[in-house]
Amino acid sequence: MARLSELPRRDRERSSRVNEVWRPLGLHHELRLVFRVEGVCWGAAGMVRTADFTDREVEFLTAVAPALA
C-alpha cells in the first residue's frame, strides 16, 4: 500500500503520470495497493481522487486486501 502523498515532493513533481494524466483531470491524490497470496502477486489496484486518502482509509484497505487476495 502506498500513498502518493507519502513520496518525497520532488518525486511527486517529476511524475509524468501525475502531471500528464491525473492533474489535468483534477485528481491530485493516488493510492496503490498490491494483492498477494503467499508472497505471489496476482493483482494490483490504483485509486485516484481530489482529496488525499486518510490513515483510516489506508488501514481499512490494508485490512481487506488479504481477503480480496
Protein backbone atom coordinates (compact mmCIF):
# COMPACT_ATOMS: atom_id res chain seq x y z
CA MET A 1 0.00 0.00 0.00
CA ALA A 2 1.39 3.38 -0.93
CA ARG A 3 0.01 6.90 -0.96
CA LEU A 4 1.37 9.35 -3.49
CA SER A 5 1.39 11.99 -0.76
CA GLU A 6 3.99 9.96 1.18
CA LEU A 7 6.57 10.23 -1.60
CA PRO A 8 9.17 12.99 -1.47
CA ARG A 9 7.88 16.19 -3.08
CA ARG A 10 10.47 16.09 -5.88
CA ASP A 11 9.30 12.58 -6.86
CA ARG A 12 5.67 13.71 -6.97
CA GLU A 13 6.58 16.75 -9.05
CA ARG A 14 8.56 14.63 -11.55
CA SER A 15 5.85 12.02 -12.10
CA SER A 16 4.68 12.21 -15.70
CA ARG A 17 1.65 10.04 -14.83
CA VAL A 18 0.53 12.53 -12.20
CA ASN A 19 1.34 15.63 -14.24
CA GLU A 20 0.06 14.46 -17.62
CA VAL A 21 -2.85 12.22 -16.68
CA TRP A 22 -4.27 12.87 -13.21
CA ARG A 23 -3.74 16.60 -12.63
CA PRO A 24 -5.44 17.69 -15.88
CA LEU A 25 -8.47 15.70 -14.68
CA GLY A 26 -8.42 17.49 -11.32
CA LEU A 27 -7.14 14.42 -9.49
CA HIS A 28 -4.20 15.09 -7.19
CA HIS A 29 -4.02 12.07 -4.89
CA GLU A 30 -3.30 8.45 -5.67
CA LEU A 31 -3.22 5.27 -3.63
CA ARG A 32 -1.92 1.94 -4.89
CA LEU A 33 -2.15 -1.48 -3.39
CA VAL A 34 -0.97 -4.93 -4.35
CA PHE A 35 -2.88 -8.16 -3.79
CA ARG A 36 -0.62 -11.04 -2.78
CA VAL A 37 -1.22 -14.63 -1.75
CA GLU A 38 1.67 -16.41 -0.08
CA GLY A 39 4.08 -13.81 -1.44
CA VAL A 40 2.83 -14.09 -5.03
CA CYS A 41 1.30 -11.01 -6.60
CA TRP A 42 -1.87 -11.71 -8.56
CA GLY A 43 -3.17 -8.17 -8.97
CA ALA A 44 -2.96 -4.51 -8.08
CA ALA A 45 -5.27 -1.54 -7.77
CA GLY A 46 -4.75 2.16 -8.19
CA MET A 47 -7.20 4.73 -6.87
CA VAL A 48 -7.20 8.46 -7.55
CA ARG A 49 -9.29 11.35 -6.27
CA THR A 50 -9.24 15.03 -5.38
CA ALA A 51 -8.69 14.63 -1.61
CA ASP A 52 -5.90 12.66 0.00
CA PHE A 53 -6.60 9.21 1.40
CA THR A 54 -6.89 9.23 5.18
CA ASP A 55 -4.98 6.98 7.55
CA ARG A 56 -8.29 5.27 8.39
CA GLU A 57 -8.95 4.50 4.72
CA VAL A 58 -5.43 3.13 4.30
CA GLU A 59 -5.88 0.96 7.40
CA PHE A 60 -9.20 -0.35 6.05
CA LEU A 61 -7.76 -1.21 2.64
CA THR A 62 -4.74 -2.84 4.26
CA ALA A 63 -7.11 -4.96 6.37
CA VAL A 64 -9.31 -6.11 3.46
CA ALA A 65 -6.54 -6.65 0.89
CA PRO A 66 -5.67 -10.17 2.15
CA ALA A 67 -9.34 -11.21 1.93
CA LEU A 68 -9.51 -9.92 -1.64
CA ALA A 69 -6.31 -11.76 -2.49
